[in-house]
């Protein structure tokens, strides 16, 4: 049975799970505001596909949209990326401490066995 959660962090990682979307975020970080067409061009994808990717990014709070007539411009919204980075850093610290303790335990055990 699958477990479904719909938290902001879940949507962020789901959105980041696709290479095209990560590429779009990189373009926004590098070049600033871009239209859907400009974001889709480097990936050789159709406009509807680019729009779907952007809707996922927007739903995750990773981009914001500004509408000027028929032109939709997207900009990077870094707050969600910062939250994801904080989560990763917390877990990285936990695992580093855990692995350090395991390493120390194994060294102690090996030293005890050598005696």
C-alpha atoms as a PDB file:
ATOM      1  CA  UNK A   1       0.000   0.000   0.000  1.00  0.00           C
ATOM      2  CA  UNK A   2       1.455   3.358  -1.038  1.00  0.00           C
ATOM      3  CA  UNK A   3       1.729   6.247   1.387  1.00  0.00           C
ATOM      4  CA  UNK A   4       1.004   9.645  -0.104  1.00  0.00           C
ATOM      5  CA  UNK A   5       2.058  12.868   1.546  1.00  0.00           C
ATOM      6  CA  UNK A   6       1.596  16.310   0.128  1.00  0.00           C
ATOM      7  CA  UNK A   7       3.883  18.544   2.129  1.00  0.00           C
ATOM      8  CA  UNK A   8       5.822  21.409   0.624  1.00  0.00           C
ATOM      9  CA  UNK A   9       9.071  19.501   1.062  1.00  0.00           C
ATOM     10  CA  UNK A  10       7.605  16.442  -0.693  1.00  0.00           C
ATOM     11  CA  UNK A  11       6.526  18.593  -3.649  1.00  0.00           C
ATOM     12  CA  UNK A  12       9.964  20.217  -3.749  1.00  0.00           C
ATOM     13  CA  UNK A  13      11.835  16.917  -3.942  1.00  0.00           C
ATOM     14  CA  UNK A  14       9.306  15.508  -6.432  1.00  0.00           C
ATOM     15  CA  UNK A  15       9.839  18.544  -8.664  1.00  0.00           C
ATOM     16  CA  UNK A  16      13.623  18.266  -8.334  1.00  0.00           C
ATOM     17  CA  UNK A  17      13.441  14.598  -9.314  1.00  0.00           C
ATOM     18  CA  UNK A  18      13.269  15.458 -13.009  1.00  0.00           C
ATOM     19  CA  UNK A  19      16.355  16.541 -14.939  1.00  0.00           C
ATOM     20  CA  UNK A  20      14.480  18.905 -17.235  1.00  0.00           C
ATOM     21  CA  UNK A  21      13.002  20.761 -14.270  1.00  0.00           C
ATOM     22  CA  UNK A  22      16.421  20.966 -12.587  1.00  0.00           C
ATOM     23  CA  UNK A  23      17.776  22.351 -15.861  1.00  0.00           C
ATOM     24  CA  UNK A  24      15.025  24.947 -16.003  1.00  0.00           C
ATOM     25  CA  UNK A  25      15.875  26.031 -12.458  1.00  0.00           C
ATOM     26  CA  UNK A  26      19.541  26.300 -13.441  1.00  0.00           C
ATOM     27  CA  UNK A  27      18.615  28.515 -16.387  1.00  0.00           C
ATOM     28  CA  UNK A  28      16.568  30.764 -14.137  1.00  0.00           C
ATOM     29  CA  UNK A  29      19.429  30.980 -11.654  1.00  0.00           C
ATOM     30  CA  UNK A  30      21.876  31.840 -14.442  1.00  0.00           C
ATOM     31  CA  UNK A  31      19.810  34.129 -16.650  1.00  0.00           C
ATOM     32  CA  UNK A  32      17.004  35.479 -14.471  1.00  0.00           C
ATOM     33  CA  UNK A  33      13.390  35.775 -15.643  1.00  0.00           C
ATOM     34  CA  UNK A  34      12.507  33.614 -18.654  1.00  0.00           C
ATOM     35  CA  UNK A  35       9.371  32.772 -20.621  1.00  0.00           C
ATOM     36  CA  UNK A  36       8.098  29.207 -20.884  1.00  0.00           C
ATOM     37  CA  UNK A  37       9.382  29.063 -24.464  1.00  0.00           C
ATOM     38  CA  UNK A  38      12.839  30.249 -23.456  1.00  0.00           C
ATOM     39  CA  UNK A  39      12.962  27.663 -20.689  1.00  0.00           C
ATOM     40  CA  UNK A  40      11.797  24.834 -22.954  1.00  0.00           C
ATOM     41  CA  UNK A  41      14.051  25.599 -25.964  1.00  0.00           C
ATOM     42  CA  UNK A  42      17.322  24.146 -24.600  1.00  0.00           C
ATOM     43  CA  UNK A  43      15.577  20.840 -23.881  1.00  0.00           C
ATOM     44  CA  UNK A  44      13.961  20.471 -27.313  1.00  0.00           C
ATOM     45  CA  UNK A  45      10.507  19.929 -25.795  1.00  0.00           C
ATOM     46  CA  UNK A  46       7.122  21.095 -27.036  1.00  0.00           C
ATOM     47  CA  UNK A  47       5.497  24.139 -25.451  1.00  0.00           C
ATOM     48  CA  UNK A  48       2.803  22.075 -23.657  1.00  0.00           C
ATOM     49  CA  UNK A  49       5.505  19.863 -22.114  1.00  0.00           C
ATOM     50  CA  UNK A  50       7.481  22.906 -20.943  1.00  0.00           C
ATOM     51  CA  UNK A  51       4.292  24.341 -19.449  1.00  0.00           C
ATOM     52  CA  UNK A  52       3.610  21.103 -17.557  1.00  0.00           C
ATOM     53  CA  UNK A  53       7.117  21.128 -16.104  1.00  0.00           C
ATOM     54  CA  UNK A  54       6.684  24.770 -15.089  1.00  0.00           C
ATOM     55  CA  UNK A  55       3.349  24.025 -13.417  1.00  0.00           C
ATOM     56  CA  UNK A  56       5.085  21.361 -11.309  1.00  0.00           C
ATOM     57  CA  UNK A  57       7.837  23.818 -10.380  1.00  0.00           C
ATOM     58  CA  UNK A  58       5.276  26.500  -9.594  1.00  0.00           C
ATOM     59  CA  UNK A  59       3.177  24.112  -7.497  1.00  0.00           C
ATOM     60  CA  UNK A  60       6.295  23.217  -5.519  1.00  0.00           C
ATOM     61  CA  UNK A  61       6.993  26.888  -4.905  1.00  0.00           C
ATOM     62  CA  UNK A  62      10.293  26.772  -6.788  1.00  0.00           C
ATOM     63  CA  UNK A  63       9.324  29.377  -9.382  1.00  0.00           C
ATOM     64  CA  UNK A  64       6.995  32.337  -9.478  1.00  0.00           C
ATOM     65  CA  UNK A  65       5.061  33.531 -12.495  1.00  0.00           C
ATOM     66  CA  UNK A  66       4.446  37.083 -13.659  1.00  0.00           C
ATOM     67  CA  UNK A  67       1.846  37.588 -16.377  1.00  0.00           C
ATOM     68  CA  UNK A  68       2.000  40.516 -18.779  1.00  0.00           C
ATOM     69  CA  UNK A  69      -0.762  40.046 -21.339  1.00  0.00           C
ATOM     70  CA  UNK A  70       0.000  36.771 -23.108  1.00  0.00           C
ATOM     71  CA  UNK A  71       3.575  36.662 -21.854  1.00  0.00           C
ATOM     72  CA  UNK A  72       4.281  34.544 -18.773  1.00  0.00           C
ATOM     73  CA  UNK A  73       7.672  35.163 -17.193  1.00  0.00           C
ATOM     74  CA  UNK A  74       9.095  32.814 -14.604  1.00  0.00           C
ATOM     75  CA  UNK A  75      11.629  33.620 -11.917  1.00  0.00           C
ATOM     76  CA  UNK A  76      13.394  31.463  -9.384  1.00  0.00           C
ATOM     77  CA  UNK A  77      11.816  31.382  -5.914  1.00  0.00           C
ATOM     78  CA  UNK A  78      14.739  30.211  -3.763  1.00  0.00           C
ATOM     79  CA  UNK A  79      12.953  29.779  -0.420  1.00  0.00           C
ATOM     80  CA  UNK A  80      11.877  26.178  -1.123  1.00  0.00           C
ATOM     81  CA  UNK A  81      15.364  25.266  -2.331  1.00  0.00           C
ATOM     82  CA  UNK A  82      16.771  26.669   0.885  1.00  0.00           C
ATOM     83  CA  UNK A  83      14.310  24.563   2.905  1.00  0.00           C
ATOM     84  CA  UNK A  84      15.340  21.446   0.970  1.00  0.00           C
ATOM     85  CA  UNK A  85      19.011  22.283   1.521  1.00  0.00           C
ATOM     86  CA  UNK A  86      18.384  22.714   5.272  1.00  0.00           C
ATOM     87  CA  UNK A  87      16.681  19.300   5.388  1.00  0.00           C
ATOM     88  CA  UNK A  88      19.564  17.670   3.511  1.00  0.00           C
ATOM     89  CA  UNK A  89      22.190  19.294   5.718  1.00  0.00           C
ATOM     90  CA  UNK A  90      20.406  18.130   8.872  1.00  0.00           C
ATOM     91  CA  UNK A  91      20.306  14.570   7.621  1.00  0.00           C
ATOM     92  CA  UNK A  92      23.867  14.724   6.343  1.00  0.00           C
ATOM     93  CA  UNK A  93      25.064  15.807   9.791  1.00  0.00           C
ATOM     94  CA  UNK A  94      23.106  12.960  11.406  1.00  0.00           C
ATOM     95  CA  UNK A  95      24.582  10.329   9.084  1.00  0.00           C
ATOM     96  CA  UNK A  96      28.103  11.698   9.388  1.00  0.00           C
ATOM     97  CA  UNK A  97      27.882  11.523  13.201  1.00  0.00           C
ATOM     98  CA  UNK A  98      26.369   8.037  13.012  1.00  0.00           C
ATOM     99  CA  UNK A  99      29.054   6.767  10.647  1.00  0.00           C
ATOM    100  CA  UNK A 100      31.787   8.355  12.764  1.00  0.00           C
ATOM    101  CA  UNK A 101      30.452   6.515  15.824  1.00  0.00           C
ATOM    102  CA  UNK A 102      30.286   3.281  13.849  1.00  0.00           C
ATOM    103  CA  UNK A 103      33.875   3.778  12.681  1.00  0.00           C
ATOM    104  CA  UNK A 104      35.006   4.374  16.259  1.00  0.00           C
ATOM    105  CA  UNK A 105      33.100   1.295  17.444  1.00  0.00           C
ATOM    106  CA  UNK A 106      34.679  -0.876  14.743  1.00  0.00           C
ATOM    107  CA  UNK A 107      38.168   0.389  15.597  1.00  0.00           C
ATOM    108  CA  UNK A 108      37.569  -0.310  19.285  1.00  0.00           C
ATOM    109  CA  UNK A 109      36.217  -3.774  18.520  1.00  0.00           C
ATOM    110  CA  UNK A 110      39.146  -4.547  16.222  1.00  0.00           C
ATOM    111  CA  UNK A 111      41.628  -3.379  18.892  1.00  0.00           C
ATOM    112  CA  UNK A 112      39.896  -5.577  21.495  1.00  0.00           C
ATOM    113  CA  UNK A 113      40.010  -8.605  19.199  1.00  0.00           C
ATOM    114  CA  UNK A 114      43.704  -8.059  18.438  1.00  0.00           C
ATOM    115  CA  UNK A 115      44.610  -8.389  22.117  1.00  0.00           C
END
